[in-house]
Amino acid sequence: MQPTLIIWGELDRVFPLELAHRLKRHIGENAELVIIKNAGHAINAEKPKELCKYLKSFLIDPLPPQNGKSSNGNKTD
């Protein structure tokens, strides 16, 4: 399964924070949940710098190997 980044506003009234936790549990261990403090539903308008920071980190930073496999899924020995 592919890594998944979930970014959620702490004060979101459209989709309450509990839904973020449920979504993370549903996706599983490959999901990373980031909660943006003092942000509602429109994170891109309310906290654009924080949003970009987390997106950039997720898209550019290398993944750590998991269970003896490299980030590309190949076995490491």
N, C-alpha and C. Protein backbone atom coordinates (compact mmCIF):
# COMPACT_ATOMS: atom_id res chain seq x y z
N MET A 1 0.83 -1.18 0.00
CA MET A 1 0.00 0.00 0.00
C MET A 1 0.88 1.25 0.00
N GLN A 2 0.44 2.26 -0.69
CA GLN A 2 1.20 3.50 -0.81
C GLN A 2 1.10 4.35 0.45
N PRO A 3 2.15 5.11 0.74
CA PRO A 3 2.09 6.04 1.86
C PRO A 3 0.99 7.08 1.60
N THR A 4 0.31 7.48 2.64
CA THR A 4 -0.79 8.43 2.52
C THR A 4 -0.62 9.52 3.57
N LEU A 5 -0.74 10.76 3.13
CA LEU A 5 -0.67 11.89 4.04
C LEU A 5 -2.08 12.45 4.22
N ILE A 6 -2.51 12.52 5.46
CA ILE A 6 -3.81 13.10 5.80
C ILE A 6 -3.52 14.40 6.55
N ILE A 7 -3.98 15.51 6.02
CA ILE A 7 -3.79 16.80 6.68
C ILE A 7 -5.17 17.31 7.06
N TRP A 8 -5.32 17.66 8.34
CA TRP A 8 -6.64 18.01 8.87
C TRP A 8 -6.55 19.26 9.73
N GLY A 9 -7.53 20.12 9.62
CA GLY A 9 -7.60 21.29 10.48
C GLY A 9 -8.18 20.93 11.84
N GLU A 10 -7.50 21.33 12.88
CA GLU A 10 -7.92 21.03 14.25
C GLU A 10 -9.34 21.54 14.53
N LEU A 11 -9.71 22.66 13.93
CA LEU A 11 -11.00 23.29 14.20
C LEU A 11 -12.01 23.09 13.08
N ASP A 12 -11.79 22.10 12.22
CA ASP A 12 -12.68 21.84 11.08
C ASP A 12 -14.08 21.52 11.59
N ARG A 13 -15.06 22.32 11.17
CA ARG A 13 -16.45 22.07 11.56
C ARG A 13 -17.23 21.35 10.46
N VAL A 14 -16.68 21.29 9.26
CA VAL A 14 -17.32 20.56 8.17
C VAL A 14 -17.10 19.06 8.38
N PHE A 15 -15.85 18.70 8.62
CA PHE A 15 -15.48 17.31 8.90
C PHE A 15 -14.73 17.30 10.23
N PRO A 16 -15.40 16.98 11.33
CA PRO A 16 -14.78 17.02 12.65
C PRO A 16 -13.52 16.16 12.75
N LEU A 17 -12.66 16.53 13.67
CA LEU A 17 -11.36 15.88 13.84
C LEU A 17 -11.47 14.37 14.06
N GLU A 18 -12.52 13.92 14.71
CA GLU A 18 -12.69 12.48 14.93
C GLU A 18 -12.68 11.71 13.61
N LEU A 19 -13.20 12.32 12.54
CA LEU A 19 -13.20 11.65 11.23
C LEU A 19 -11.77 11.45 10.72
N ALA A 20 -10.87 12.36 11.03
CA ALA A 20 -9.47 12.20 10.63
C ALA A 20 -8.86 10.97 11.27
N HIS A 21 -9.14 10.80 12.55
CA HIS A 21 -8.61 9.63 13.26
C HIS A 21 -9.22 8.34 12.72
N ARG A 22 -10.50 8.37 12.41
CA ARG A 22 -11.15 7.18 11.84
C ARG A 22 -10.57 6.85 10.47
N LEU A 23 -10.33 7.88 9.65
CA LEU A 23 -9.74 7.67 8.33
C LEU A 23 -8.35 7.06 8.45
N LYS A 24 -7.54 7.57 9.37
CA LYS A 24 -6.20 7.02 9.57
C LYS A 24 -6.27 5.55 9.98
N ARG A 25 -7.16 5.22 10.90
CA ARG A 25 -7.31 3.81 11.31
C ARG A 25 -7.74 2.95 10.13
N HIS A 26 -8.62 3.47 9.30
CA HIS A 26 -9.12 2.71 8.14
C HIS A 26 -8.01 2.47 7.11
N ILE A 27 -7.19 3.47 6.86
CA ILE A 27 -6.11 3.33 5.88
C ILE A 27 -5.01 2.42 6.43
N GLY A 28 -4.69 2.58 7.71
CA GLY A 28 -3.71 1.70 8.32
C GLY A 28 -2.37 2.36 8.56
N GLU A 29 -1.36 1.50 8.74
CA GLU A 29 -0.04 1.97 9.17
C GLU A 29 0.68 2.83 8.14
N ASN A 30 0.26 2.81 6.89
CA ASN A 30 0.91 3.64 5.88
C ASN A 30 0.39 5.07 5.85
N ALA A 31 -0.58 5.37 6.71
CA ALA A 31 -1.14 6.71 6.76
C ALA A 31 -0.44 7.54 7.83
N GLU A 32 -0.18 8.78 7.49
CA GLU A 32 0.39 9.74 8.43
C GLU A 32 -0.64 10.85 8.60
N LEU A 33 -1.06 11.11 9.82
CA LEU A 33 -2.04 12.15 10.11
C LEU A 33 -1.32 13.37 10.67
N VAL A 34 -1.53 14.51 10.02
CA VAL A 34 -1.00 15.79 10.49
C VAL A 34 -2.19 16.67 10.83
N ILE A 35 -2.22 17.16 12.05
CA ILE A 35 -3.31 18.04 12.48
C ILE A 35 -2.75 19.45 12.57
N ILE A 36 -3.33 20.36 11.80
CA ILE A 36 -2.89 21.75 11.79
C ILE A 36 -3.67 22.51 12.87
N LYS A 37 -2.94 23.01 13.85
CA LYS A 37 -3.56 23.74 14.96
C LYS A 37 -4.13 25.08 14.49
N ASN A 38 -5.24 25.45 15.10
CA ASN A 38 -5.92 26.73 14.82
C ASN A 38 -6.30 26.89 13.36
N ALA A 39 -6.62 25.77 12.69
CA ALA A 39 -7.09 25.82 11.31
C ALA A 39 -8.41 25.07 11.22
N GLY A 40 -9.25 25.56 10.32
CA GLY A 40 -10.53 24.91 10.10
C GLY A 40 -10.49 24.05 8.85
N HIS A 41 -11.56 24.15 8.05
CA HIS A 41 -11.70 23.31 6.86
C HIS A 41 -10.84 23.80 5.69
N ALA A 42 -10.59 25.10 5.62
CA ALA A 42 -9.86 25.68 4.48
C ALA A 42 -8.38 25.88 4.84
N ILE A 43 -7.69 24.78 5.07
CA ILE A 43 -6.29 24.85 5.49
C ILE A 43 -5.44 25.61 4.48
N ASN A 44 -5.71 25.40 3.20
CA ASN A 44 -4.91 26.05 2.17
C ASN A 44 -5.01 27.57 2.23
N ALA A 45 -6.13 28.11 2.68
CA ALA A 45 -6.30 29.56 2.81
C ALA A 45 -5.88 30.05 4.20
N GLU A 46 -6.11 29.23 5.21
CA GLU A 46 -5.84 29.64 6.59
C GLU A 46 -4.38 29.49 7.00
N LYS A 47 -3.75 28.41 6.59
CA LYS A 47 -2.37 28.10 7.00
C LYS A 47 -1.56 27.59 5.81
N PRO A 48 -1.42 28.40 4.74
CA PRO A 48 -0.75 27.91 3.53
C PRO A 48 0.71 27.50 3.74
N LYS A 49 1.44 28.22 4.59
CA LYS A 49 2.86 27.88 4.80
C LYS A 49 3.00 26.53 5.49
N GLU A 50 2.16 26.29 6.50
CA GLU A 50 2.23 24.99 7.19
C GLU A 50 1.83 23.87 6.24
N LEU A 51 0.79 24.09 5.45
CA LEU A 51 0.34 23.08 4.49
C LEU A 51 1.48 22.74 3.53
N CYS A 52 2.12 23.75 2.98
CA CYS A 52 3.22 23.52 2.04
C CYS A 52 4.39 22.80 2.70
N LYS A 53 4.67 23.14 3.95
CA LYS A 53 5.77 22.49 4.67
C LYS A 53 5.53 20.98 4.76
N TYR A 54 4.32 20.59 5.14
CA TYR A 54 4.02 19.16 5.29
C TYR A 54 3.94 18.45 3.94
N LEU A 55 3.37 19.11 2.94
CA LEU A 55 3.32 18.51 1.60
C LEU A 55 4.72 18.31 1.04
N LYS A 56 5.56 19.33 1.17
CA LYS A 56 6.93 19.23 0.66
C LYS A 56 7.69 18.10 1.35
N SER A 57 7.57 18.03 2.66
CA SER A 57 8.25 16.99 3.41
C SER A 57 7.78 15.60 2.97
N PHE A 58 6.49 15.44 2.80
CA PHE A 58 5.93 14.15 2.41
C PHE A 58 6.37 13.75 1.01
N LEU A 59 6.39 14.71 0.10
CA LEU A 59 6.69 14.40 -1.30
C LEU A 59 8.18 14.28 -1.60
N ILE A 60 9.02 14.97 -0.84
CA ILE A 60 10.45 15.02 -1.17
C ILE A 60 11.32 14.17 -0.26
N ASP A 61 11.04 14.17 1.03
CA ASP A 61 11.89 13.43 1.97
C ASP A 61 11.81 11.93 1.71
N PRO A 62 12.94 11.24 1.81
CA PRO A 62 12.93 9.78 1.58
C PRO A 62 12.18 9.05 2.69
N LEU A 63 11.61 7.92 2.31
CA LEU A 63 10.91 7.07 3.28
C LEU A 63 11.90 6.15 3.98
N PRO A 64 11.72 5.91 5.26
CA PRO A 64 12.58 4.93 5.95
C PRO A 64 12.20 3.52 5.51
N PRO A 65 13.17 2.60 5.44
CA PRO A 65 12.85 1.21 5.10
C PRO A 65 11.91 0.61 6.14
N GLN A 66 10.99 -0.25 5.67
CA GLN A 66 10.05 -0.92 6.57
C GLN A 66 10.14 -2.42 6.37
N ASN A 67 10.23 -3.16 7.46
CA ASN A 67 10.19 -4.62 7.43
C ASN A 67 11.19 -5.23 6.46
N GLY A 68 12.41 -4.72 6.45
CA GLY A 68 13.43 -5.29 5.59
C GLY A 68 13.28 -4.96 4.13
N LYS A 69 12.48 -3.93 3.82
CA LYS A 69 12.30 -3.53 2.43
C LYS A 69 12.70 -2.08 2.27
N SER A 70 13.20 -1.74 1.10
CA SER A 70 13.54 -0.36 0.83
C SER A 70 12.26 0.39 0.49
N SER A 71 12.35 1.71 0.33
CA SER A 71 11.16 2.51 0.06
C SER A 71 10.53 2.19 -1.29
N ASN A 72 11.30 1.54 -2.19
CA ASN A 72 10.71 1.16 -3.47
C ASN A 72 10.11 -0.24 -3.45
N GLY A 73 10.08 -0.86 -2.28
CA GLY A 73 9.46 -2.17 -2.14
C GLY A 73 10.40 -3.34 -2.32
N ASN A 74 11.65 -3.09 -2.73
CA ASN A 74 12.60 -4.17 -2.92
C ASN A 74 13.18 -4.61 -1.58
N LYS A 75 13.45 -5.87 -1.46
CA LYS A 75 13.99 -6.42 -0.22
C LYS A 75 15.43 -5.95 -0.03
N THR A 76 15.76 -5.58 1.21
CA THR A 76 17.13 -5.16 1.52
C THR A 76 17.80 -6.24 2.35
N ASP A 77 19.03 -6.58 2.00
CA ASP A 77 19.80 -7.59 2.75
C ASP A 77 21.20 -7.12 3.00
